[in-house]
Amino acid sequence: MLYNGNTEFAKVRDNVIMKDPKITLTTDFLDYDGLFDIGYYFNWGQLKDSQNTLDSKKGNYFTQTKIALFKDSVKVNSPEYLIFSDTLKYNTETKLVSILGPTNIYGK
Protein backbone atom coordinates (compact mmCIF):
# COMPACT_ATOMS: atom_id res chain seq x y z
CA MET A 1 0.00 0.00 0.00
CA LEU A 2 1.19 3.48 -0.86
CA TYR A 3 -0.41 6.36 1.05
CA ASN A 4 0.10 10.09 0.66
CA GLY A 5 -0.99 11.84 3.84
CA ASN A 6 -0.98 15.27 2.18
CA THR A 7 -3.49 14.27 -0.50
CA GLU A 8 -5.16 11.48 1.54
CA PHE A 9 -4.81 9.19 -1.48
CA ALA A 10 -3.97 5.49 -1.19
CA LYS A 11 -3.00 2.89 -3.79
CA VAL A 12 -3.50 -0.69 -2.65
CA ARG A 13 -2.50 -3.69 -4.75
CA ASP A 14 -2.83 -7.51 -4.65
CA ASN A 15 -5.64 -9.29 -2.81
CA VAL A 16 -7.38 -6.11 -1.64
CA ILE A 17 -10.42 -6.40 0.61
CA MET A 18 -12.36 -3.22 1.44
CA LYS A 19 -15.10 -3.66 4.03
CA ASP A 20 -17.96 -1.35 4.81
CA PRO A 21 -20.42 -2.52 7.47
CA LYS A 22 -22.75 -4.16 4.93
CA ILE A 23 -20.54 -4.89 1.90
CA THR A 24 -17.20 -6.39 0.97
CA LEU A 25 -15.31 -5.24 -2.11
CA THR A 26 -12.49 -7.43 -3.38
CA THR A 27 -10.04 -6.59 -6.16
CA ASP A 28 -6.33 -6.58 -6.97
CA PHE A 29 -6.13 -2.86 -7.82
CA LEU A 30 -7.80 -0.29 -5.55
CA ASP A 31 -7.20 3.43 -5.34
CA TYR A 32 -8.88 5.29 -2.49
CA ASP A 33 -9.43 9.05 -2.35
CA GLY A 34 -9.80 9.92 1.33
CA LEU A 35 -10.75 13.53 0.61
CA PHE A 36 -13.87 12.49 -1.29
CA ASP A 37 -14.34 9.01 0.28
CA ILE A 38 -14.32 7.15 -3.03
CA GLY A 39 -12.72 3.81 -3.78
CA TYR A 40 -11.83 3.05 -7.42
CA TYR A 41 -10.94 -0.27 -8.98
CA PHE A 42 -9.93 -0.70 -12.58
CA ASN A 43 -8.90 -4.29 -13.21
CA TRP A 44 -11.89 -6.39 -12.11
CA GLY A 45 -13.58 -6.30 -8.77
CA GLN A 46 -16.42 -7.90 -6.88
CA LEU A 47 -18.86 -6.37 -4.41
CA LYS A 48 -20.86 -8.67 -2.14
CA ASP A 49 -23.60 -7.93 0.32
CA SER A 50 -26.13 -10.09 2.14
CA GLN A 51 -28.19 -10.67 -1.04
CA ASN A 52 -26.22 -9.88 -4.18
CA THR A 53 -22.86 -10.30 -5.86
CA LEU A 54 -21.78 -7.73 -8.44
CA ASP A 55 -18.72 -8.13 -10.67
CA SER A 56 -17.26 -5.65 -13.15
CA LYS A 57 -14.06 -4.61 -14.85
CA LYS A 58 -14.19 -1.06 -13.41
CA GLY A 59 -16.02 0.41 -10.45
CA ASN A 60 -16.34 3.21 -7.94
CA TYR A 61 -17.68 2.94 -4.41
CA PHE A 62 -18.81 6.12 -2.67
CA THR A 63 -18.52 5.33 1.04
CA GLN A 64 -20.58 8.30 2.25
CA THR A 65 -23.62 7.71 0.01
CA LYS A 66 -23.26 3.89 -0.12
CA ILE A 67 -23.56 4.00 -3.92
CA ALA A 68 -21.49 1.79 -6.20
CA LEU A 69 -21.05 2.57 -9.90
CA PHE A 70 -20.04 -0.35 -12.12
CA LYS A 71 -18.67 -0.11 -15.66
CA ASP A 72 -17.64 -2.60 -18.33
CA SER A 73 -18.75 -6.24 -18.26
CA VAL A 74 -21.04 -5.87 -15.25
CA LYS A 75 -22.71 -8.97 -13.82
CA VAL A 76 -25.27 -8.93 -11.01
CA ASN A 77 -26.14 -12.26 -9.41
CA SER A 78 -29.12 -12.12 -7.07
CA PRO A 79 -31.50 -14.79 -5.74
CA GLU A 80 -34.19 -13.72 -8.26
CA TYR A 81 -32.30 -12.62 -11.37
CA LEU A 82 -29.05 -12.39 -13.30
CA ILE A 83 -28.11 -9.10 -14.97
CA PHE A 84 -25.44 -8.46 -17.59
CA SER A 85 -24.84 -4.77 -18.25
CA ASP A 86 -22.45 -2.21 -19.64
CA THR A 87 -23.03 0.29 -16.82
CA LEU A 88 -25.18 0.34 -13.70
CA LYS A 89 -25.50 1.91 -10.27
CA TYR A 90 -26.18 -0.02 -7.06
CA ASN A 91 -27.34 1.34 -3.73
CA THR A 92 -25.83 -0.91 -1.07
CA GLU A 93 -28.33 0.28 1.56
CA THR A 94 -31.56 -0.25 -0.40
CA LYS A 95 -30.13 -2.96 -2.72
CA LEU A 96 -31.69 -1.19 -5.72
CA VAL A 97 -30.07 -1.47 -9.14
CA SER A 98 -30.29 1.47 -11.56
CA ILE A 99 -29.56 0.51 -15.16
CA LEU A 100 -27.47 3.10 -16.99
CA GLY A 101 -26.45 1.29 -20.19
CA PRO A 102 -27.26 -1.67 -22.46
CA THR A 103 -28.50 -4.52 -20.25
CA ASN A 104 -29.87 -8.07 -20.36
CA ILE A 105 -31.91 -9.38 -17.42
CA TYR A 106 -32.71 -13.04 -16.85
CA GLY A 107 -35.08 -14.38 -14.20
CA LYS A 108 -34.05 -17.45 -12.25
C-alpha atoms as a PDB file:
ATOM      1  CA  MET A   1       0.000   0.000   0.000  1.00  0.00           C
ATOM      2  CA  LEU A   2       1.191   3.477  -0.860  1.00  0.00           C
ATOM      3  CA  TYR A   3      -0.414   6.357   1.052  1.00  0.00           C
ATOM      4  CA  ASN A   4       0.101  10.088   0.662  1.00  0.00           C
ATOM      5  CA  GLY A   5      -0.989  11.837   3.843  1.00  0.00           C
ATOM      6  CA  ASN A   6      -0.982  15.266   2.183  1.00  0.00           C
ATOM      7  CA  THR A   7      -3.491  14.269  -0.500  1.00  0.00           C
ATOM      8  CA  GLU A   8      -5.160  11.479   1.541  1.00  0.00           C
ATOM      9  CA  PHE A   9      -4.807   9.187  -1.485  1.00  0.00           C
ATOM     10  CA  ALA A  10      -3.971   5.491  -1.192  1.00  0.00           C
ATOM     11  CA  LYS A  11      -3.001   2.894  -3.788  1.00  0.00           C
ATOM     12  CA  VAL A  12      -3.498  -0.690  -2.654  1.00  0.00           C
ATOM     13  CA  ARG A  13      -2.503  -3.695  -4.747  1.00  0.00           C
ATOM     14  CA  ASP A  14      -2.829  -7.506  -4.655  1.00  0.00           C
ATOM     15  CA  ASN A  15      -5.641  -9.286  -2.813  1.00  0.00           C
ATOM     16  CA  VAL A  16      -7.380  -6.108  -1.642  1.00  0.00           C
ATOM     17  CA  ILE A  17     -10.425  -6.400   0.610  1.00  0.00           C
ATOM     18  CA  MET A  18     -12.363  -3.223   1.436  1.00  0.00           C
ATOM     19  CA  LYS A  19     -15.100  -3.662   4.026  1.00  0.00           C
ATOM     20  CA  ASP A  20     -17.956  -1.355   4.805  1.00  0.00           C
ATOM     21  CA  PRO A  21     -20.421  -2.521   7.474  1.00  0.00           C
ATOM     22  CA  LYS A  22     -22.752  -4.159   4.931  1.00  0.00           C
ATOM     23  CA  ILE A  23     -20.539  -4.885   1.901  1.00  0.00           C
ATOM     24  CA  THR A  24     -17.199  -6.394   0.968  1.00  0.00           C
ATOM     25  CA  LEU A  25     -15.312  -5.237  -2.110  1.00  0.00           C
ATOM     26  CA  THR A  26     -12.491  -7.430  -3.384  1.00  0.00           C
ATOM     27  CA  THR A  27     -10.036  -6.588  -6.162  1.00  0.00           C
ATOM     28  CA  ASP A  28      -6.329  -6.582  -6.969  1.00  0.00           C
ATOM     29  CA  PHE A  29      -6.130  -2.861  -7.820  1.00  0.00           C
ATOM     30  CA  LEU A  30      -7.800  -0.294  -5.555  1.00  0.00           C
ATOM     31  CA  ASP A  31      -7.196   3.433  -5.341  1.00  0.00           C
ATOM     32  CA  TYR A  32      -8.876   5.294  -2.492  1.00  0.00           C
ATOM     33  CA  ASP A  33      -9.430   9.046  -2.347  1.00  0.00           C
ATOM     34  CA  GLY A  34      -9.796   9.917   1.327  1.00  0.00           C
ATOM     35  CA  LEU A  35     -10.750  13.529   0.612  1.00  0.00           C
ATOM     36  CA  PHE A  36     -13.869  12.487  -1.288  1.00  0.00           C
ATOM     37  CA  ASP A  37     -14.338   9.012   0.284  1.00  0.00           C
ATOM     38  CA  ILE A  38     -14.319   7.154  -3.031  1.00  0.00           C
ATOM     39  CA  GLY A  39     -12.719   3.813  -3.778  1.00  0.00           C
ATOM     40  CA  TYR A  40     -11.827   3.050  -7.415  1.00  0.00           C
ATOM     41  CA  TYR A  41     -10.942  -0.273  -8.985  1.00  0.00           C
ATOM     42  CA  PHE A  42      -9.933  -0.696 -12.578  1.00  0.00           C
ATOM     43  CA  ASN A  43      -8.898  -4.290 -13.213  1.00  0.00           C
ATOM     44  CA  TRP A  44     -11.892  -6.394 -12.112  1.00  0.00           C
ATOM     45  CA  GLY A  45     -13.580  -6.296  -8.773  1.00  0.00           C
ATOM     46  CA  GLN A  46     -16.423  -7.902  -6.877  1.00  0.00           C
ATOM     47  CA  LEU A  47     -18.862  -6.368  -4.414  1.00  0.00           C
ATOM     48  CA  LYS A  48     -20.856  -8.674  -2.138  1.00  0.00           C
ATOM     49  CA  ASP A  49     -23.600  -7.928   0.324  1.00  0.00           C
ATOM     50  CA  SER A  50     -26.131 -10.089   2.143  1.00  0.00           C
ATOM     51  CA  GLN A  51     -28.194 -10.665  -1.044  1.00  0.00           C
ATOM     52  CA  ASN A  52     -26.225  -9.875  -4.180  1.00  0.00           C
ATOM     53  CA  THR A  53     -22.862 -10.305  -5.861  1.00  0.00           C
ATOM     54  CA  LEU A  54     -21.777  -7.734  -8.439  1.00  0.00           C
ATOM     55  CA  ASP A  55     -18.723  -8.128 -10.675  1.00  0.00           C
ATOM     56  CA  SER A  56     -17.264  -5.649 -13.153  1.00  0.00           C
ATOM     57  CA  LYS A  57     -14.063  -4.606 -14.849  1.00  0.00           C
ATOM     58  CA  LYS A  58     -14.192  -1.065 -13.407  1.00  0.00           C
ATOM     59  CA  GLY A  59     -16.021   0.415 -10.452  1.00  0.00           C
ATOM     60  CA  ASN A  60     -16.343   3.212  -7.937  1.00  0.00           C
ATOM     61  CA  TYR A  61     -17.682   2.943  -4.411  1.00  0.00           C
ATOM     62  CA  PHE A  62     -18.812   6.123  -2.669  1.00  0.00           C
ATOM     63  CA  THR A  63     -18.516   5.326   1.040  1.00  0.00           C
ATOM     64  CA  GLN A  64     -20.583   8.303   2.252  1.00  0.00           C
ATOM     65  CA  THR A  65     -23.624   7.709   0.012  1.00  0.00           C
ATOM     66  CA  LYS A  66     -23.258   3.889  -0.116  1.00  0.00           C
ATOM     67  CA  ILE A  67     -23.561   4.004  -3.922  1.00  0.00           C
ATOM     68  CA  ALA A  68     -21.490   1.795  -6.205  1.00  0.00           C
ATOM     69  CA  LEU A  69     -21.050   2.568  -9.895  1.00  0.00           C
ATOM     70  CA  PHE A  70     -20.042  -0.348 -12.117  1.00  0.00           C
ATOM     71  CA  LYS A  71     -18.673  -0.111 -15.661  1.00  0.00           C
ATOM     72  CA  ASP A  72     -17.637  -2.603 -18.326  1.00  0.00           C
ATOM     73  CA  SER A  73     -18.747  -6.236 -18.259  1.00  0.00           C
ATOM     74  CA  VAL A  74     -21.039  -5.873 -15.247  1.00  0.00           C
ATOM     75  CA  LYS A  75     -22.715  -8.973 -13.824  1.00  0.00           C
ATOM     76  CA  VAL A  76     -25.273  -8.931 -11.009  1.00  0.00           C
ATOM     77  CA  ASN A  77     -26.138 -12.256  -9.413  1.00  0.00           C
ATOM     78  CA  SER A  78     -29.124 -12.115  -7.067  1.00  0.00           C
ATOM     79  CA  PRO A  79     -31.496 -14.786  -5.743  1.00  0.00           C
ATOM     80  CA  GLU A  80     -34.193 -13.721  -8.260  1.00  0.00           C
ATOM     81  CA  TYR A  81     -32.302 -12.618 -11.373  1.00  0.00           C
ATOM     82  CA  LEU A  82     -29.052 -12.392 -13.301  1.00  0.00           C
ATOM     83  CA  ILE A  83     -28.113  -9.097 -14.971  1.00  0.00           C
ATOM     84  CA  PHE A  84     -25.444  -8.459 -17.591  1.00  0.00           C
ATOM     85  CA  SER A  85     -24.836  -4.769 -18.247  1.00  0.00           C
ATOM     86  CA  ASP A  86     -22.455  -2.208 -19.641  1.00  0.00           C
ATOM     87  CA  THR A  87     -23.035   0.294 -16.817  1.00  0.00           C
ATOM     88  CA  LEU A  88     -25.178   0.339 -13.696  1.00  0.00           C
ATOM     89  CA  LYS A  89     -25.496   1.906 -10.271  1.00  0.00           C
ATOM     90  CA  TYR A  90     -26.181  -0.019  -7.065  1.00  0.00           C
ATOM     91  CA  ASN A  91     -27.340   1.344  -3.727  1.00  0.00           C
ATOM     92  CA  THR A  92     -25.828  -0.915  -1.070  1.00  0.00           C
ATOM     93  CA  GLU A  93     -28.332   0.282   1.562  1.00  0.00           C
ATOM     94  CA  THR A  94     -31.561  -0.251  -0.401  1.00  0.00           C
ATOM     95  CA  LYS A  95     -30.128  -2.957  -2.719  1.00  0.00           C
ATOM     96  CA  LEU A  96     -31.690  -1.194  -5.724  1.00  0.00           C
ATOM     97  CA  VAL A  97     -30.070  -1.474  -9.143  1.00  0.00           C
ATOM     98  CA  SER A  98     -30.285   1.467 -11.559  1.00  0.00           C
ATOM     99  CA  ILE A  99     -29.559   0.508 -15.161  1.00  0.00           C
ATOM    100  CA  LEU A 100     -27.472   3.103 -16.992  1.00  0.00           C
ATOM    101  CA  GLY A 101     -26.451   1.291 -20.188  1.00  0.00           C
ATOM    102  CA  PRO A 102     -27.261  -1.665 -22.456  1.00  0.00           C
ATOM    103  CA  THR A 103     -28.499  -4.520 -20.252  1.00  0.00           C
ATOM    104  CA  ASN A 104     -29.868  -8.066 -20.362  1.00  0.00           C
ATOM    105  CA  ILE A 105     -31.907  -9.382 -17.422  1.00  0.00           C
ATOM    106  CA  TYR A 106     -32.710 -13.039 -16.852  1.00  0.00           C
ATOM    107  CA  GLY A 107     -35.075 -14.384 -14.201  1.00  0.00           C
ATOM    108  CA  LYS A 108     -34.054 -17.454 -12.252  1.00  0.00           C
END
